[in-house]
Structure formats: structure tokens, C-alpha cells
Amino acid sequence: MDTPNPTGARPEGVTSPEAREVLLALADRLATVRPRHTIDDGRRLAMILTATFERHGYMSDAAEQLEAEVRELAAPIIGRGTTRGEYASLLRDIAREAGR
């Protein structure tokens, strides 16, 4: 029998389907819009923030929880030279692994 989860928190090590959807949506955008341009970590964070707030509204608890989960999953971009297309491939790999 399933036990209730009143806080809505995800169990340790479990990725929500919605977080995987956000990762894949970000990957699609990065791969189709200027895929040869570089991306930095500030842009990564801005894209995650925008994607999660578009789903749940600005400053909502649900948006903040989803943002935290996606930030935890999406690898930081260190240094320079990573293209949007390369990062899109990485996000797809992360989403695939998170779905296992």
C-alpha cells in the first residue's frame, strides 16, 4: 500500500517526470536555436528558471521545487567553449539516465 506524501517532496534518488520533460524541452531549444553558439552557466540558470516558472507561475512553491530539481540534474557549465548543441546532447543523456 502506498503511503501518503503530504510534503510533495520526491524520494531520494527519484527524478520526477516533469523534471525530465523540462530537461528535454531545454535540450530541444538549445539544439534548434543557435546550436553552434556557446552557452555559459548564467544562461543555463536563466533558461531553467524561465522554463520552470512558465509551468507553475512566478515564485510559486511548485515552480521553486521544480527549478531546484532541474538545477540539481542539469550539469553546470564550467569554463568556456561549450556549444548549445553539445549541452543539448548532455541534457538528453541526463534525462535518459534520470528515467531509469
Protein backbone atom coordinates (compact mmCIF):
# COMPACT_ATOMS: atom_id res chain seq x y z
CA MET A 1 0.00 0.00 0.00
CA ASP A 2 1.31 3.45 -0.92
CA THR A 3 1.92 5.85 1.92
CA PRO A 4 0.82 9.44 1.51
CA ASN A 5 3.42 12.11 0.81
CA PRO A 6 1.97 15.30 2.31
CA THR A 7 5.01 17.47 1.53
CA GLY A 8 5.14 16.55 -2.13
CA ALA A 9 8.89 16.01 -1.81
CA ARG A 10 10.33 13.36 -4.06
CA PRO A 11 12.03 10.36 -2.51
CA GLU A 12 15.82 10.50 -2.54
CA GLY A 13 17.24 9.44 -5.90
CA VAL A 14 13.90 9.64 -7.74
CA THR A 15 13.50 12.13 -10.57
CA SER A 16 10.08 13.49 -11.38
CA PRO A 17 8.72 13.01 -14.91
CA GLU A 18 8.20 16.77 -15.06
CA ALA A 19 11.89 17.47 -14.41
CA ARG A 20 12.80 15.12 -17.27
CA GLU A 21 10.29 16.93 -19.50
CA VAL A 22 11.93 20.27 -18.68
CA LEU A 23 15.39 18.87 -19.43
CA LEU A 24 14.22 17.56 -22.79
CA ALA A 25 12.43 20.82 -23.64
CA LEU A 26 15.59 22.77 -22.85
CA ALA A 27 17.63 20.35 -24.95
CA ASP A 28 15.25 20.77 -27.89
CA ARG A 29 15.52 24.56 -27.71
CA LEU A 30 19.30 24.53 -27.42
CA ALA A 31 19.65 22.10 -30.32
CA THR A 32 17.41 24.10 -32.65
CA VAL A 33 18.16 27.73 -31.76
CA ARG A 34 21.78 28.69 -32.47
CA PRO A 35 23.23 25.25 -31.66
CA ARG A 36 26.77 26.32 -32.62
CA HIS A 37 26.82 29.29 -30.25
CA THR A 38 28.39 28.88 -26.85
CA ILE A 39 26.44 28.76 -23.62
CA ASP A 40 27.56 29.75 -20.14
CA ASP A 41 26.31 28.84 -16.70
CA GLY A 42 24.37 32.07 -16.25
CA ARG A 43 22.37 31.31 -19.37
CA ARG A 44 21.80 27.73 -18.16
CA LEU A 45 20.37 29.01 -14.89
CA ALA A 46 18.21 31.61 -16.65
CA MET A 47 16.76 29.01 -19.01
CA ILE A 48 15.93 26.67 -16.13
CA LEU A 49 14.29 29.49 -14.16
CA THR A 50 12.22 30.58 -17.16
CA ALA A 51 11.13 27.04 -18.07
CA THR A 52 10.00 26.18 -14.56
CA PHE A 53 8.21 29.46 -13.92
CA GLU A 54 6.39 29.14 -17.26
CA ARG A 55 4.96 25.85 -15.99
CA HIS A 56 3.94 26.90 -12.50
CA GLY A 57 3.93 30.68 -12.28
CA TYR A 58 6.39 33.13 -10.85
CA MET A 59 7.56 32.44 -7.29
CA SER A 60 5.16 29.55 -6.69
CA ASP A 61 6.24 26.71 -4.44
CA ALA A 62 5.78 24.22 -7.29
CA ALA A 63 8.00 26.29 -9.61
CA GLU A 64 10.69 26.62 -6.99
CA GLN A 65 10.66 22.88 -6.24
CA LEU A 66 10.85 22.03 -9.94
CA GLU A 67 13.61 24.59 -10.50
CA ALA A 68 15.68 23.11 -7.68
CA GLU A 69 15.24 19.61 -9.06
CA VAL A 70 16.19 20.61 -12.61
CA ARG A 71 19.20 22.63 -11.38
CA GLU A 72 20.34 19.57 -9.43
CA LEU A 73 20.10 17.39 -12.54
CA ALA A 74 21.43 19.77 -15.19
CA ALA A 75 25.21 19.80 -15.05
CA PRO A 76 26.83 23.18 -14.51
CA ILE A 77 28.76 24.67 -17.39
CA ILE A 78 32.34 25.27 -16.35
CA GLY A 79 34.66 27.37 -18.44
CA ARG A 80 34.06 28.50 -21.97
CA GLY A 81 33.57 26.79 -25.26
CA THR A 82 30.56 24.52 -24.67
CA THR A 83 28.12 24.94 -27.52
CA ARG A 84 24.37 24.95 -27.10
CA GLY A 85 24.20 21.80 -29.24
CA GLU A 86 26.77 20.00 -27.10
CA TYR A 87 24.92 20.94 -23.94
CA ALA A 88 21.64 19.78 -25.50
CA SER A 89 23.17 16.33 -26.01
CA LEU A 90 24.32 16.28 -22.39
CA LEU A 91 20.84 17.23 -21.14
CA ARG A 92 19.29 14.43 -23.20
CA ASP A 93 21.74 11.94 -21.69
CA ILE A 94 20.92 13.21 -18.19
CA ALA A 95 17.17 12.94 -18.83
CA ARG A 96 17.60 9.40 -20.16
CA GLU A 97 19.62 8.35 -17.10
CA ALA A 98 17.16 10.02 -14.73
CA GLY A 99 14.35 7.99 -16.27
CA ARG A 100 15.91 4.67 -15.34
